[in-house]
Structures are given as structure tokens and as C-alpha cells.
Amino acid sequence: MDLSFLALLLCPLMFIIMFFIMKGMHSNKSHSEHPTDTADLQKNMSKLMEQNEKLSKEIESMKRYR
């Protein structure tokens, strides 16, 4: 008994199921979250820039002592 036709039927069916799953994942996010996300990202970015500056200075001071 050849069951290869089941694979042909299963592929489009899985595609449709995955489409609705992915659509549901994206519809849960509201647009009002974006400004707070942006503000959080900007805060994190400024902290990272400060850390980067401190580490750069530390690296330079370590190079001078060699």
C-alpha cells in the first residue's frame, strides 16, 4: 500500500496550521507596548554605552602599563 499521497496532503495542512499559529502569536501584542519598549531600549542603550566607555578606558590604561 502506497502512502505517499498522505505526505502530499499533510504538507499543505501543516502549512495552514502553522500560519494560524504564527498569526495568533503576533496578534497578542498591542501597539501601545511599542513606546515603552522604545524607552526601555534607549535606557539599556545608554547604560551599555557607559559601560563600553568605562571598559575602553580600562583597556587603554592596561595597555599603557605594559
Protein backbone atom coordinates (compact mmCIF):
# COMPACT_ATOMS: atom_id res chain seq x y z
CA MET A 1 0.00 0.00 0.00
CA ASP A 2 1.49 3.33 -1.11
CA LEU A 3 1.04 6.09 1.49
CA SER A 4 2.99 8.80 -0.33
CA PHE A 5 -0.23 10.67 -1.06
CA LEU A 6 -0.56 11.28 2.70
CA ALA A 7 2.63 13.34 2.62
CA LEU A 8 1.16 15.42 -0.19
CA LEU A 9 -1.96 16.05 1.87
CA LEU A 10 -0.09 16.63 5.12
CA CYS A 11 2.24 19.34 3.81
CA PRO A 12 -0.44 21.94 2.91
CA LEU A 13 -2.40 21.07 6.02
CA MET A 14 0.63 21.71 8.25
CA PHE A 15 1.30 24.95 6.40
CA ILE A 16 -2.22 26.20 7.13
CA ILE A 17 -1.96 25.18 10.80
CA MET A 18 1.42 26.92 11.22
CA PHE A 19 0.05 30.03 9.51
CA PHE A 20 -2.74 30.38 12.05
CA ILE A 21 -0.39 29.65 14.97
CA MET A 22 2.06 32.34 13.84
CA LYS A 23 -0.78 34.80 13.19
CA GLY A 24 -2.08 34.23 16.73
CA MET A 25 1.36 34.85 18.22
CA HIS A 26 1.65 38.25 16.56
CA SER A 27 -1.89 39.41 17.28
CA ASN A 28 -1.38 39.17 21.06
CA LYS A 29 0.95 42.18 21.07
CA SER A 30 -0.75 45.54 21.22
CA HIS A 31 0.58 48.65 19.58
CA SER A 32 0.64 50.52 22.89
CA GLU A 33 3.63 48.47 24.05
CA HIS A 34 5.97 49.97 21.48
CA PRO A 35 6.65 53.34 23.17
CA THR A 36 7.60 51.67 26.45
CA ASP A 37 9.73 49.18 24.59
CA THR A 38 11.49 52.03 22.82
CA ALA A 39 12.08 53.86 26.08
CA ASP A 40 13.45 50.71 27.70
CA LEU A 41 15.71 50.12 24.73
CA GLN A 42 17.04 53.66 24.92
CA LYS A 43 17.77 53.28 28.65
CA ASN A 44 19.55 50.00 28.06
CA MET A 45 21.49 51.50 25.18
CA SER A 46 22.71 54.41 27.30
CA LYS A 47 23.78 52.02 30.07
CA LEU A 48 25.65 49.89 27.57
CA MET A 49 27.35 52.93 26.10
CA GLU A 50 28.52 54.00 29.57
CA GLN A 51 29.84 50.50 30.26
CA ASN A 52 31.58 50.49 26.90
CA GLU A 53 33.26 53.80 27.65
CA LYS A 54 34.45 52.59 31.06
CA LEU A 55 35.79 49.37 29.59
CA SER A 56 37.55 51.25 26.79
CA LYS A 57 39.28 53.47 29.34
CA GLU A 58 40.26 50.42 31.39
CA ILE A 59 41.71 48.71 28.33
CA GLU A 60 43.70 51.82 27.42
CA SER A 61 45.10 52.10 30.94
CA MET A 62 46.09 48.43 30.86
CA LYS A 63 47.87 48.95 27.52
CA ARG A 64 49.88 51.85 28.97
CA TYR A 65 51.21 49.75 31.84
CA ARG A 66 52.67 47.10 29.54
